[in-house]
Amino acid sequence: MKARHSAWGGALLVCALVLPGSSVLYGQYFRTADYWKTHRHEFTFGLGASNFLGELGGRDQIGTNFIWDLEISQTRPGLSIGHRYYLRERLSLRTQLAYGIMAGNDNLTNEPARKNRNLSFRSDLFELAMMLEYHPFMEALGHLYDIRGVKGQQSPRIGLYGFLGVGACYFNPQAKFNNAWVNLRPLSTEGQGLPGGPSEYSNFSIVIPMGVGLRKQLSKVLSVGLEAQYTKTFTDYIDDVSGNYYDNDVILEQKGEVAAFLADPNLGTPGLPSEYPAGAQRGDPDDNDAYLFLKAQVHYKIYKYRSRSKKYRTRLRRQKIVF
């Protein structure tokens, strides 16, 4: 009887010693529900291409909407820098500053009316936006349950996210005249600010960026990715073309020869006007401008440990299960 009691006592003693250790082991080597809070802050750097969707250039047809009128040859550099803050494990808020060069040229299309119009432009564009991102698939390293030193079921290394935001952009359309770039807005090429003409347009516009991105984890703090962004604007003047032709004689009198030429530099193609009269269509005011970014990105996470102790951080990095 005493031996039986001794056996039960020994078993209870072993359980008392092992079970607390098991709970510590579980909590130490498995990710908890709030693990993502250790890296809520992330910096993002992007480099790639930008392209413009507007009245100028485009495919060999009458202007169409969205990417169906994209002119690949007018692709220019684009870059961005941003900060991402995770509100939830799969929901983040990104603040981004982006730069791109927008360009368009009617000489690049074989559609007769657009080619005869012979308008062209370029503009540096700066965008500041805040975007809400949703990550249905999260990238990660190691074992699915973050068990250090154990091989087995791997966690996904590829992540996917979509985003939608709001922001503002600044642009300044220019055209080349005698091998020099000339600012178009002060020239009132469609009669902006002149008698009977439209109001002057602003160099700023509200924008709505949207898109998708892919991410691949390289290390605990570093990942790379590819992101495609389409941005809708609320202006039709990024290329300085929107409405109708204005009386060119008035532009010549009020703004000078350079303004008169850039307002109507048509080629005089046989069968098409050699000079467009006031009121003739120059652009499409019902279709606002848009632009695209396609960027390769680098993401860097900032980890925040629960303890500032250097000893704790070292132990966290070196921890490993041994069987």
C-alpha atoms as a PDB file:
ATOM      1  CA  MET A   1       0.000   0.000   0.000  1.00  0.00           C
ATOM      2  CA  LYS A   2       2.784   2.374   0.905  1.00  0.00           C
ATOM      3  CA  ALA A   3       4.575   1.526  -2.339  1.00  0.00           C
ATOM      4  CA  ARG A   4       1.406   2.349  -4.304  1.00  0.00           C
ATOM      5  CA  HIS A   5       1.076   5.722  -2.565  1.00  0.00           C
ATOM      6  CA  SER A   6       4.726   6.394  -3.238  1.00  0.00           C
ATOM      7  CA  ALA A   7       4.205   5.659  -6.962  1.00  0.00           C
ATOM      8  CA  TRP A   8       1.209   8.012  -7.171  1.00  0.00           C
ATOM      9  CA  GLY A   9       3.145  10.695  -5.319  1.00  0.00           C
ATOM     10  CA  GLY A  10       6.072  10.361  -7.703  1.00  0.00           C
ATOM     11  CA  ALA A  11       3.759  10.637 -10.721  1.00  0.00           C
ATOM     12  CA  LEU A  12       2.111  13.757  -9.361  1.00  0.00           C
ATOM     13  CA  LEU A  13       5.488  15.263  -8.654  1.00  0.00           C
ATOM     14  CA  VAL A  14       6.626  14.601 -12.244  1.00  0.00           C
ATOM     15  CA  CYS A  15       3.425  16.153 -13.651  1.00  0.00           C
ATOM     16  CA  ALA A  16       3.865  19.195 -11.457  1.00  0.00           C
ATOM     17  CA  LEU A  17       7.361  19.670 -12.798  1.00  0.00           C
ATOM     18  CA  VAL A  18       6.672  18.856 -16.455  1.00  0.00           C
ATOM     19  CA  LEU A  19       3.356  20.583 -17.142  1.00  0.00           C
ATOM     20  CA  PRO A  20       4.482  24.110 -16.226  1.00  0.00           C
ATOM     21  CA  GLY A  21       7.518  23.544 -18.377  1.00  0.00           C
ATOM     22  CA  SER A  22       5.264  22.426 -21.230  1.00  0.00           C
ATOM     23  CA  SER A  23       3.192  25.586 -21.016  1.00  0.00           C
ATOM     24  CA  VAL A  24       6.346  27.675 -21.014  1.00  0.00           C
ATOM     25  CA  LEU A  25       7.631  25.674 -23.969  1.00  0.00           C
ATOM     26  CA  TYR A  26       4.410  26.247 -25.858  1.00  0.00           C
ATOM     27  CA  GLY A  27       4.389  29.950 -25.134  1.00  0.00           C
ATOM     28  CA  GLN A  28       8.084  30.300 -25.901  1.00  0.00           C
ATOM     29  CA  TYR A  29       8.325  28.453 -29.185  1.00  0.00           C
ATOM     30  CA  PHE A  30       4.923  28.963 -30.795  1.00  0.00           C
ATOM     31  CA  ARG A  31       3.643  32.233 -32.182  1.00  0.00           C
ATOM     32  CA  THR A  32       0.935  33.815 -30.086  1.00  0.00           C
ATOM     33  CA  ALA A  33      -2.136  35.553 -31.498  1.00  0.00           C
ATOM     34  CA  ASP A  34      -0.539  38.973 -31.045  1.00  0.00           C
ATOM     35  CA  TYR A  35       2.893  38.072 -32.461  1.00  0.00           C
ATOM     36  CA  TRP A  36       2.361  40.522 -35.333  1.00  0.00           C
ATOM     37  CA  LYS A  37       2.458  43.407 -32.860  1.00  0.00           C
ATOM     38  CA  THR A  38       6.215  42.984 -32.525  1.00  0.00           C
ATOM     39  CA  HIS A  39       6.670  44.332 -36.070  1.00  0.00           C
ATOM     40  CA  ARG A  40       3.834  46.791 -36.670  1.00  0.00           C
ATOM     41  CA  HIS A  41       6.137  49.340 -38.326  1.00  0.00           C
ATOM     42  CA  GLU A  42       7.656  48.792 -41.748  1.00  0.00           C
ATOM     43  CA  PHE A  43       9.470  51.000 -44.253  1.00  0.00           C
ATOM     44  CA  THR A  44       8.989  50.512 -47.994  1.00  0.00           C
ATOM     45  CA  PHE A  45      11.169  51.612 -50.918  1.00  0.00           C
ATOM     46  CA  GLY A  46      10.067  51.239 -54.542  1.00  0.00           C
ATOM     47  CA  LEU A  47      11.714  51.725 -57.942  1.00  0.00           C
ATOM     48  CA  GLY A  48      10.158  51.052 -61.315  1.00  0.00           C
ATOM     49  CA  ALA A  49       8.134  52.617 -64.108  1.00  0.00           C
ATOM     50  CA  SER A  50       5.349  55.164 -64.541  1.00  0.00           C
ATOM     51  CA  ASN A  51       2.975  55.755 -67.431  1.00  0.00           C
ATOM     52  CA  PHE A  52       0.244  58.253 -68.269  1.00  0.00           C
ATOM     53  CA  LEU A  53      -3.351  57.726 -69.388  1.00  0.00           C
ATOM     54  CA  GLY A  54      -4.789  60.858 -70.999  1.00  0.00           C
ATOM     55  CA  GLU A  55      -5.609  62.574 -74.281  1.00  0.00           C
ATOM     56  CA  LEU A  56      -2.181  62.581 -75.961  1.00  0.00           C
ATOM     57  CA  GLY A  57      -0.655  59.751 -77.936  1.00  0.00           C
ATOM     58  CA  GLY A  58      -2.100  56.321 -77.318  1.00  0.00           C
ATOM     59  CA  ARG A  59      -3.115  53.499 -79.605  1.00  0.00           C
ATOM     60  CA  ASP A  60      -3.877  53.850 -83.310  1.00  0.00           C
ATOM     61  CA  GLN A  61      -7.524  54.698 -82.736  1.00  0.00           C
ATOM     62  CA  ILE A  62      -9.768  57.368 -81.259  1.00  0.00           C
ATOM     63  CA  GLY A  63      -8.969  57.835 -77.586  1.00  0.00           C
ATOM     64  CA  THR A  64     -10.354  55.150 -75.266  1.00  0.00           C
ATOM     65  CA  ASN A  65     -10.559  54.836 -71.494  1.00  0.00           C
ATOM     66  CA  PHE A  66      -8.425  53.011 -68.946  1.00  0.00           C
ATOM     67  CA  ILE A  67      -5.350  50.986 -70.002  1.00  0.00           C
ATOM     68  CA  TRP A  68      -6.712  50.220 -73.472  1.00  0.00           C
ATOM     69  CA  ASP A  69      -5.132  53.511 -74.643  1.00  0.00           C
ATOM     70  CA  LEU A  70      -1.737  52.909 -73.010  1.00  0.00           C
ATOM     71  CA  GLU A  71       1.351  53.987 -74.964  1.00  0.00           C
ATOM     72  CA  ILE A  72       4.168  51.679 -73.800  1.00  0.00           C
ATOM     73  CA  SER A  73       6.926  53.777 -75.417  1.00  0.00           C
ATOM     74  CA  GLN A  74       6.089  56.682 -73.077  1.00  0.00           C
ATOM     75  CA  THR A  75       6.986  54.654 -69.973  1.00  0.00           C
ATOM     76  CA  ARG A  76       9.236  56.678 -67.676  1.00  0.00           C
ATOM     77  CA  PRO A  77      10.965  56.125 -64.305  1.00  0.00           C
ATOM     78  CA  GLY A  78       8.987  56.069 -61.066  1.00  0.00           C
ATOM     79  CA  LEU A  79       9.965  55.689 -57.424  1.00  0.00           C
ATOM     80  CA  SER A  80       8.398  55.790 -53.966  1.00  0.00           C
ATOM     81  CA  ILE A  81       9.104  55.716 -50.247  1.00  0.00           C
ATOM     82  CA  GLY A  82       6.551  54.816 -47.606  1.00  0.00           C
ATOM     83  CA  HIS A  83       5.766  53.760 -44.055  1.00  0.00           C
ATOM     84  CA  ARG A  84       3.405  50.896 -43.242  1.00  0.00           C
ATOM     85  CA  TYR A  85       1.644  50.479 -39.884  1.00  0.00           C
ATOM     86  CA  TYR A  86      -0.280  47.283 -39.147  1.00  0.00           C
ATOM     87  CA  LEU A  87      -3.646  47.999 -37.543  1.00  0.00           C
ATOM     88  CA  ARG A  88      -4.409  44.282 -37.396  1.00  0.00           C
ATOM     89  CA  GLU A  89      -2.501  41.205 -38.449  1.00  0.00           C
ATOM     90  CA  ARG A  90      -3.892  41.412 -42.006  1.00  0.00           C
ATOM     91  CA  LEU A  91      -4.845  45.090 -42.150  1.00  0.00           C
ATOM     92  CA  SER A  92      -2.321  47.899 -42.550  1.00  0.00           C
ATOM     93  CA  LEU A  93      -2.182  51.619 -43.258  1.00  0.00           C
ATOM     94  CA  ARG A  94       0.522  52.919 -45.609  1.00  0.00           C
ATOM     95  CA  THR A  95       1.631  56.509 -46.119  1.00  0.00           C
ATOM     96  CA  GLN A  96       3.461  56.943 -49.410  1.00  0.00           C
ATOM     97  CA  LEU A  97       5.346  59.652 -51.281  1.00  0.00           C
ATOM     98  CA  ALA A  98       5.774  58.764 -54.960  1.00  0.00           C
ATOM     99  CA  TYR A  99       7.389  60.423 -57.968  1.00  0.00           C
ATOM    100  CA  GLY A 100       6.897  59.711 -61.646  1.00  0.00           C
ATOM    101  CA  ILE A 101       7.453  61.327 -65.035  1.00  0.00           C
ATOM    102  CA  MET A 102       4.312  61.564 -67.169  1.00  0.00           C
ATOM    103  CA  ALA A 103       4.568  62.000 -70.934  1.00  0.00           C
ATOM    104  CA  GLY A 104       2.465  61.847 -74.093  1.00  0.00           C
ATOM    105  CA  ASN A 105       2.980  62.631 -77.772  1.00  0.00           C
ATOM    106  CA  ASP A 106       0.508  62.582 -80.665  1.00  0.00           C
ATOM    107  CA  ASN A 107       3.334  61.686 -83.069  1.00  0.00           C
ATOM    108  CA  LEU A 108       3.334  58.171 -81.598  1.00  0.00           C
ATOM    109  CA  THR A 109      -0.131  57.285 -82.910  1.00  0.00           C
ATOM    110  CA  ASN A 110      -1.230  56.618 -86.483  1.00  0.00           C
ATOM    111  CA  GLU A 111      -4.828  57.657 -85.848  1.00  0.00           C
ATOM    112  CA  PRO A 112      -5.132  60.539 -88.393  1.00  0.00           C
ATOM    113  CA  ALA A 113      -6.938  63.161 -86.285  1.00  0.00           C
ATOM    114  CA  ARG A 114      -4.777  62.663 -83.204  1.00  0.00           C
ATOM    115  CA  LYS A 115      -1.557  62.630 -85.220  1.00  0.00           C
ATOM    116  CA  ASN A 116      -2.516  65.835 -87.071  1.00  0.00           C
ATOM    117  CA  ARG A 117      -3.257  67.540 -83.740  1.00  0.00           C
ATOM    118  CA  ASN A 118       0.470  67.127 -82.950  1.00  0.00           C
ATOM    119  CA  LEU A 119       0.307  67.972 -79.246  1.00  0.00           C
ATOM    120  CA  SER A 120       2.886  66.702 -76.749  1.00  0.00           C
ATOM    121  CA  PHE A 121       3.821  67.172 -73.115  1.00  0.00           C
ATOM    122  CA  ARG A 122       5.838  65.948 -70.157  1.00  0.00           C
ATOM    123  CA  SER A 123       5.375  66.564 -66.448  1.00  0.00           C
ATOM    124  CA  ASP A 124       7.053  65.680 -63.174  1.00  0.00           C
ATOM    125  CA  LEU A 125       4.359  64.324 -60.876  1.00  0.00           C
ATOM    126  CA  PHE A 126       4.529  64.027 -57.093  1.00  0.00           C
ATOM    127  CA  GLU A 127       1.953  62.021 -55.145  1.00  0.00           C
ATOM    128  CA  LEU A 128       1.316  61.921 -51.393  1.00  0.00           C
ATOM    129  CA  ALA A 129      -1.279  59.332 -50.401  1.00  0.00           C
ATOM    130  CA  MET A 130      -2.564  57.192 -47.554  1.00  0.00           C
ATOM    131  CA  MET A 131      -3.689  53.674 -48.418  1.00  0.00           C
ATOM    132  CA  LEU A 132      -5.584  50.975 -46.545  1.00  0.00           C
ATOM    133  CA  GLU A 133      -4.161  47.536 -47.319  1.00  0.00           C
ATOM    134  CA  TYR A 134      -5.631  44.072 -46.825  1.00  0.00           C
ATOM    135  CA  HIS A 135      -3.306  41.046 -46.733  1.00  0.00           C
ATOM    136  CA  PRO A 136      -5.316  37.835 -47.349  1.00  0.00           C
ATOM    137  CA  PHE A 137      -2.062  35.859 -47.635  1.00  0.00           C
ATOM    138  CA  MET A 138       0.861  36.687 -45.333  1.00  0.00           C
ATOM    139  CA  GLU A 139       4.462  35.762 -46.103  1.00  0.00           C
ATOM    140  CA  ALA A 140       6.626  34.288 -43.323  1.00  0.00           C
ATOM    141  CA  LEU A 141       9.778  32.274 -42.679  1.00  0.00           C
ATOM    142  CA  GLY A 142      10.402  28.907 -41.045  1.00  0.00           C
ATOM    143  CA  HIS A 143       7.963  26.361 -39.662  1.00  0.00           C
ATOM    144  CA  LEU A 144       4.237  27.010 -39.948  1.00  0.00           C
ATOM    145  CA  TYR A 145       4.008  27.255 -36.141  1.00  0.00           C
ATOM    146  CA  ASP A 146       7.369  29.033 -35.730  1.00  0.00           C
ATOM    147  CA  ILE A 147       9.037  26.077 -33.986  1.00  0.00           C
ATOM    148  CA  ARG A 148      12.706  26.898 -34.101  1.00  0.00           C
ATOM    149  CA  GLY A 149      15.091  24.142 -35.174  1.00  0.00           C
ATOM    150  CA  VAL A 150      12.283  21.830 -36.355  1.00  0.00           C
ATOM    151  CA  LYS A 151      11.800  20.886 -39.991  1.00  0.00           C
ATOM    152  CA  GLY A 152       8.391  20.039 -41.338  1.00  0.00           C
ATOM    153  CA  GLN A 153       5.402  21.999 -42.567  1.00  0.00           C
ATOM    154  CA  GLN A 154       6.742  25.242 -44.021  1.00  0.00           C
ATOM    155  CA  SER A 155       5.021  28.604 -43.731  1.00  0.00           C
ATOM    156  CA  PRO A 156       4.180  30.461 -46.971  1.00  0.00           C
ATOM    157  CA  ARG A 157       6.995  32.694 -48.242  1.00  0.00           C
ATOM    158  CA  ILE A 158       4.775  34.575 -50.741  1.00  0.00           C
ATOM    159  CA  GLY A 159       2.281  37.201 -49.599  1.00  0.00           C
ATOM    160  CA  LEU A 160      -0.513  38.932 -51.509  1.00  0.00           C
ATOM    161  CA  TYR A 161      -2.259  42.224 -50.700  1.00  0.00           C
ATOM    162  CA  GLY A 162      -4.629  44.757 -52.237  1.00  0.00           C
ATOM    163  CA  PHE A 163      -4.969  48.443 -51.426  1.00  0.00           C
ATOM    164  CA  LEU A 164      -7.200  51.478 -51.876  1.00  0.00           C
ATOM    165  CA  GLY A 165      -6.438  55.010 -50.727  1.00  0.00           C
ATOM    166  CA  VAL A 166      -6.788  58.738 -51.124  1.00  0.00           C
ATOM    167  CA  GLY A 167      -4.230  61.481 -51.594  1.00  0.00           C
ATOM    168  CA  ALA A 168      -3.139  64.434 -53.683  1.00  0.00           C
ATOM    169  CA  CYS A 169      -0.750  64.975 -56.562  1.00  0.00           C
ATOM    170  CA  TYR A 170       1.168  67.941 -57.984  1.00  0.00           C
ATOM    171  CA  PHE A 171       1.929  68.252 -61.694  1.00  0.00           C
ATOM    172  CA  ASN A 172       3.324  70.895 -64.066  1.00  0.00           C
ATOM    173  CA  PRO A 173       2.795  70.164 -67.801  1.00  0.00           C
ATOM    174  CA  GLN A 174       5.510  71.324 -70.200  1.00  0.00           C
ATOM    175  CA  ALA A 175       6.051  71.171 -73.963  1.00  0.00           C
ATOM    176  CA  LYS A 176       9.263  71.465 -75.958  1.00  0.00           C
ATOM    177  CA  PHE A 177       9.784  74.614 -78.059  1.00  0.00           C
ATOM    178  CA  ASN A 178      13.125  75.259 -79.801  1.00  0.00           C
ATOM    179  CA  ASN A 179      14.753  72.489 -77.715  1.00  0.00           C
ATOM    180  CA  ALA A 180      13.638  74.081 -74.446  1.00  0.00           C
ATOM    181  CA  TRP A 181      10.895  72.921 -72.093  1.00  0.00           C
ATOM    182  CA  VAL A 182       8.187  75.552 -71.617  1.00  0.00           C
ATOM    183  CA  ASN A 183       5.574  75.573 -68.822  1.00  0.00           C
ATOM    184  CA  LEU A 184       2.138  75.280 -70.447  1.00  0.00           C
ATOM    185  CA  ARG A 185      -0.212  76.459 -67.699  1.00  0.00           C
ATOM    186  CA  PRO A 186       0.777  80.181 -67.910  1.00  0.00           C
ATOM    187  CA  LEU A 187       0.236  80.111 -71.713  1.00  0.00           C
ATOM    188  CA  SER A 188      -3.546  79.535 -71.527  1.00  0.00           C
ATOM    189  CA  THR A 189      -3.463  77.141 -74.480  1.00  0.00           C
ATOM    190  CA  GLU A 190      -7.241  76.573 -74.251  1.00  0.00           C
ATOM    191  CA  GLY A 191      -8.005  80.166 -73.290  1.00  0.00           C
ATOM    192  CA  GLN A 192      -7.924  79.579 -69.513  1.00  0.00           C
ATOM    193  CA  GLY A 193      -8.411  82.919 -67.807  1.00  0.00           C
ATOM    194  CA  LEU A 194      -8.995  84.764 -71.101  1.00  0.00           C
ATOM    195  CA  PRO A 195     -12.332  86.445 -72.043  1.00  0.00           C
ATOM    196  CA  GLY A 196     -14.988  83.793 -72.620  1.00  0.00           C
ATOM    197  CA  GLY A 197     -12.522  80.995 -71.847  1.00  0.00           C
ATOM    198  CA  PRO A 198     -12.564  78.420 -69.055  1.00  0.00           C
ATOM    199  CA  SER A 199     -11.166  79.090 -65.584  1.00  0.00           C
ATOM    200  CA  GLU A 200      -7.486  78.498 -64.905  1.00  0.00           C
ATOM    201  CA  TYR A 201      -6.796  74.981 -63.679  1.00  0.00           C
ATOM    202  CA  SER A 202      -4.877  74.010 -60.567  1.00  0.00           C
ATOM    203  CA  ASN A 203      -1.536  72.183 -60.484  1.00  0.00           C
ATOM    204  CA  PHE A 204      -2.953  70.009 -57.680  1.00  0.00           C
ATOM    205  CA  SER A 205      -5.561  67.266 -57.750  1.00  0.00           C
ATOM    206  CA  ILE A 206      -7.172  64.793 -55.367  1.00  0.00           C
ATOM    207  CA  VAL A 207      -6.262  61.230 -56.364  1.00  0.00           C
ATOM    208  CA  ILE A 208      -7.483  57.711 -55.562  1.00  0.00           C
ATOM    209  CA  PRO A 209      -4.690  55.107 -55.803  1.00  0.00           C
ATOM    210  CA  MET A 210      -5.568  51.409 -55.961  1.00  0.00           C
ATOM    211  CA  GLY A 211      -3.799  48.200 -56.828  1.00  0.00           C
ATOM    212  CA  VAL A 212      -2.283  44.871 -55.806  1.00  0.00           C
ATOM    213  CA  GLY A 213       1.103  43.643 -54.656  1.00  0.00           C
ATOM    214  CA  LEU A 214       3.151  40.483 -54.093  1.00  0.00           C
ATOM    215  CA  ARG A 215       5.772  39.984 -51.351  1.00  0.00           C
ATOM    216  CA  LYS A 216       8.469  37.388 -50.751  1.00  0.00           C
ATOM    217  CA  GLN A 217      10.141  37.045 -47.366  1.00  0.00           C
ATOM    218  CA  LEU A 218      13.957  36.952 -47.395  1.00  0.00           C
ATOM    219  CA  SER A 219      14.719  37.254 -43.686  1.00  0.00           C
ATOM    220  CA  LYS A 220      13.047  38.145 -40.421  1.00  0.00           C
ATOM    221  CA  VAL A 221      13.178  41.875 -41.264  1.00  0.00           C
ATOM    222  CA  LEU A 222      13.579  41.992 -45.040  1.00  0.00           C
ATOM    223  CA  SER A 223      11.229  41.157 -47.899  1.00  0.00           C
ATOM    224  CA  VAL A 224      10.944  42.119 -51.575  1.00  0.00           C
ATOM    225  CA  GLY A 225       7.944  42.480 -53.831  1.00  0.00           C
ATOM    226  CA  LEU A 226       6.252  43.760 -56.951  1.00  0.00           C
ATOM    227  CA  GLU A 227       3.376  46.251 -56.914  1.00  0.00           C
ATOM    228  CA  ALA A 228       1.025  47.552 -59.616  1.00  0.00           C
ATOM    229  CA  GLN A 229      -0.834  50.813 -58.912  1.00  0.00           C
ATOM    230  CA  TYR A 230      -3.556  52.545 -60.929  1.00  0.00           C
ATOM    231  CA  THR A 231      -4.375  56.097 -59.831  1.00  0.00           C
ATOM    232  CA  LYS A 232      -7.574  57.908 -60.712  1.00  0.00           C
ATOM    233  CA  THR A 233      -7.383  61.717 -60.645  1.00  0.00           C
ATOM    234  CA  PHE A 234      -9.970  64.498 -60.563  1.00  0.00           C
ATOM    235  CA  THR A 235      -8.300  66.671 -63.165  1.00  0.00           C
ATOM    236  CA  ASP A 236      -8.070  66.513 -66.953  1.00  0.00           C
ATOM    237  CA  TYR A 237      -5.114  68.894 -67.237  1.00  0.00           C
ATOM    238  CA  ILE A 238      -2.045  66.821 -66.357  1.00  0.00           C
ATOM    239  CA  ASP A 239      -1.279  66.993 -70.103  1.00  0.00           C
ATOM    240  CA  ASP A 240      -2.716  70.544 -70.477  1.00  0.00           C
ATOM    241  CA  VAL A 241      -5.396  69.179 -72.830  1.00  0.00           C
ATOM    242  CA  SER A 242      -9.054  68.916 -71.896  1.00  0.00           C
ATOM    243  CA  GLY A 243     -11.649  71.000 -73.748  1.00  0.00           C
ATOM    244  CA  ASN A 244     -11.878  72.982 -76.978  1.00  0.00           C
ATOM    245  CA  TYR A 245      -9.621  75.177 -79.074  1.00  0.00           C
ATOM    246  CA  TYR A 246      -9.673  78.882 -78.234  1.00  0.00           C
ATOM    247  CA  ASP A 247      -9.340  81.738 -80.734  1.00  0.00           C
ATOM    248  CA  ASN A 248      -5.652  81.501 -81.637  1.00  0.00           C
ATOM    249  CA  ASP A 249      -5.454  85.164 -82.664  1.00  0.00           C
ATOM    250  CA  VAL A 250      -6.495  86.179 -79.137  1.00  0.00           C
ATOM    251  CA  ILE A 251      -3.903  83.831 -77.626  1.00  0.00           C
ATOM    252  CA  LEU A 252      -1.267  85.356 -79.911  1.00  0.00           C
ATOM    253  CA  GLU A 253      -2.269  88.869 -78.837  1.00  0.00           C
ATOM    254  CA  GLN A 254      -2.567  88.093 -75.118  1.00  0.00           C
ATOM    255  CA  LYS A 255       0.137  85.477 -74.554  1.00  0.00           C
ATOM    256  CA  GLY A 256       2.560  85.710 -77.475  1.00  0.00           C
ATOM    257  CA  GLU A 257       3.877  83.590 -80.345  1.00  0.00           C
ATOM    258  CA  VAL A 258       5.058  80.646 -78.253  1.00  0.00           C
ATOM    259  CA  ALA A 259       1.619  80.263 -76.662  1.00  0.00           C
ATOM    260  CA  ALA A 260      -0.144  80.517 -80.026  1.00  0.00           C
ATOM    261  CA  PHE A 261       2.084  77.850 -81.567  1.00  0.00           C
ATOM    262  CA  LEU A 262       1.801  75.390 -78.664  1.00  0.00           C
ATOM    263  CA  ALA A 263      -1.976  75.885 -78.538  1.00  0.00           C
ATOM    264  CA  ASP A 264      -2.294  74.625 -82.130  1.00  0.00           C
ATOM    265  CA  PRO A 265       0.886  73.044 -83.601  1.00  0.00           C
ATOM    266  CA  ASN A 266      -1.093  70.880 -86.063  1.00  0.00           C
ATOM    267  CA  LEU A 267       0.678  69.282 -89.031  1.00  0.00           C
ATOM    268  CA  GLY A 268      -1.777  70.448 -91.701  1.00  0.00           C
ATOM    269  CA  THR A 269      -2.305  66.908 -92.998  1.00  0.00           C
ATOM    270  CA  PRO A 270      -4.210  66.922 -96.346  1.00  0.00           C
ATOM    271  CA  GLY A 271      -7.897  66.484 -95.706  1.00  0.00           C
ATOM    272  CA  LEU A 272      -7.595  67.716 -92.114  1.00  0.00           C
ATOM    273  CA  PRO A 273      -7.637  71.290 -90.742  1.00  0.00           C
ATOM    274  CA  SER A 274      -4.449  73.317 -91.097  1.00  0.00           C
ATOM    275  CA  GLU A 275      -5.774  75.518 -88.305  1.00  0.00           C
ATOM    276  CA  TYR A 276      -8.434  74.491 -85.816  1.00  0.00           C
ATOM    277  CA  PRO A 277     -11.178  77.096 -85.303  1.00  0.00           C
ATOM    278  CA  ALA A 278     -12.339  78.289 -81.903  1.00  0.00           C
ATOM    279  CA  GLY A 279     -14.752  75.775 -80.389  1.00  0.00           C
ATOM    280  CA  ALA A 280     -13.316  72.727 -82.194  1.00  0.00           C
ATOM    281  CA  GLN A 281     -12.657  69.709 -79.994  1.00  0.00           C
ATOM    282  CA  ARG A 282      -9.133  69.601 -78.561  1.00  0.00           C
ATOM    283  CA  GLY A 283      -9.596  67.068 -75.728  1.00  0.00           C
ATOM    284  CA  ASP A 284     -12.244  65.113 -73.838  1.00  0.00           C
ATOM    285  CA  PRO A 285     -13.408  66.916 -70.673  1.00  0.00           C
ATOM    286  CA  ASP A 286     -15.588  63.950 -69.667  1.00  0.00           C
ATOM    287  CA  ASP A 287     -12.607  61.629 -69.199  1.00  0.00           C
ATOM    288  CA  ASN A 288     -10.202  62.635 -66.420  1.00  0.00           C
ATOM    289  CA  ASP A 289      -6.526  61.741 -66.546  1.00  0.00           C
ATOM    290  CA  ALA A 290      -4.998  58.753 -64.761  1.00  0.00           C
ATOM    291  CA  TYR A 291      -1.561  57.217 -64.354  1.00  0.00           C
ATOM    292  CA  LEU A 292       0.145  53.935 -63.523  1.00  0.00           C
ATOM    293  CA  PHE A 293       3.059  52.789 -61.381  1.00  0.00           C
ATOM    294  CA  LEU A 294       4.742  49.385 -61.614  1.00  0.00           C
ATOM    295  CA  LYS A 295       7.486  49.048 -59.005  1.00  0.00           C
ATOM    296  CA  ALA A 296       9.868  46.535 -57.520  1.00  0.00           C
ATOM    297  CA  GLN A 297       9.891  47.085 -53.752  1.00  0.00           C
ATOM    298  CA  VAL A 298      11.984  46.408 -50.674  1.00  0.00           C
ATOM    299  CA  HIS A 299      10.252  46.209 -47.271  1.00  0.00           C
ATOM    300  CA  TYR A 300      12.102  46.532 -43.965  1.00  0.00           C
ATOM    301  CA  LYS A 301      10.374  45.633 -40.690  1.00  0.00           C
ATOM    302  CA  ILE A 302      11.145  47.328 -37.389  1.00  0.00           C
ATOM    303  CA  TYR A 303      10.878  44.820 -34.542  1.00  0.00           C
ATOM    304  CA  LYS A 304       9.858  45.987 -31.092  1.00  0.00           C
ATOM    305  CA  TYR A 305      10.628  43.533 -28.309  1.00  0.00           C
ATOM    306  CA  ARG A 306       8.652  43.360 -25.111  1.00  0.00           C
ATOM    307  CA  SER A 307      11.821  43.857 -23.129  1.00  0.00           C
ATOM    308  CA  ARG A 308      14.608  46.349 -23.735  1.00  0.00           C
ATOM    309  CA  SER A 309      17.046  43.943 -22.109  1.00  0.00           C
ATOM    310  CA  LYS A 310      19.912  43.050 -24.416  1.00  0.00           C
ATOM    311  CA  LYS A 311      20.184  39.684 -22.665  1.00  0.00           C
ATOM    312  CA  TYR A 312      16.506  38.942 -23.420  1.00  0.00           C
ATOM    313  CA  ARG A 313      16.877  39.820 -27.108  1.00  0.00           C
ATOM    314  CA  THR A 314      19.959  37.624 -27.454  1.00  0.00           C
ATOM    315  CA  ARG A 315      18.191  34.702 -25.793  1.00  0.00           C
ATOM    316  CA  LEU A 316      15.180  35.203 -28.086  1.00  0.00           C
ATOM    317  CA  ARG A 317      17.357  34.992 -31.175  1.00  0.00           C
ATOM    318  CA  ARG A 318      19.256  31.888 -29.995  1.00  0.00           C
ATOM    319  CA  GLN A 319      16.376  29.882 -28.609  1.00  0.00           C
ATOM    320  CA  LYS A 320      16.096  26.413 -30.153  1.00  0.00           C
ATOM    321  CA  ILE A 321      14.334  23.183 -29.351  1.00  0.00           C
ATOM    322  CA  VAL A 322      16.630  20.217 -28.793  1.00  0.00           C
ATOM    323  CA  PHE A 323      15.358  16.629 -28.737  1.00  0.00           C
END
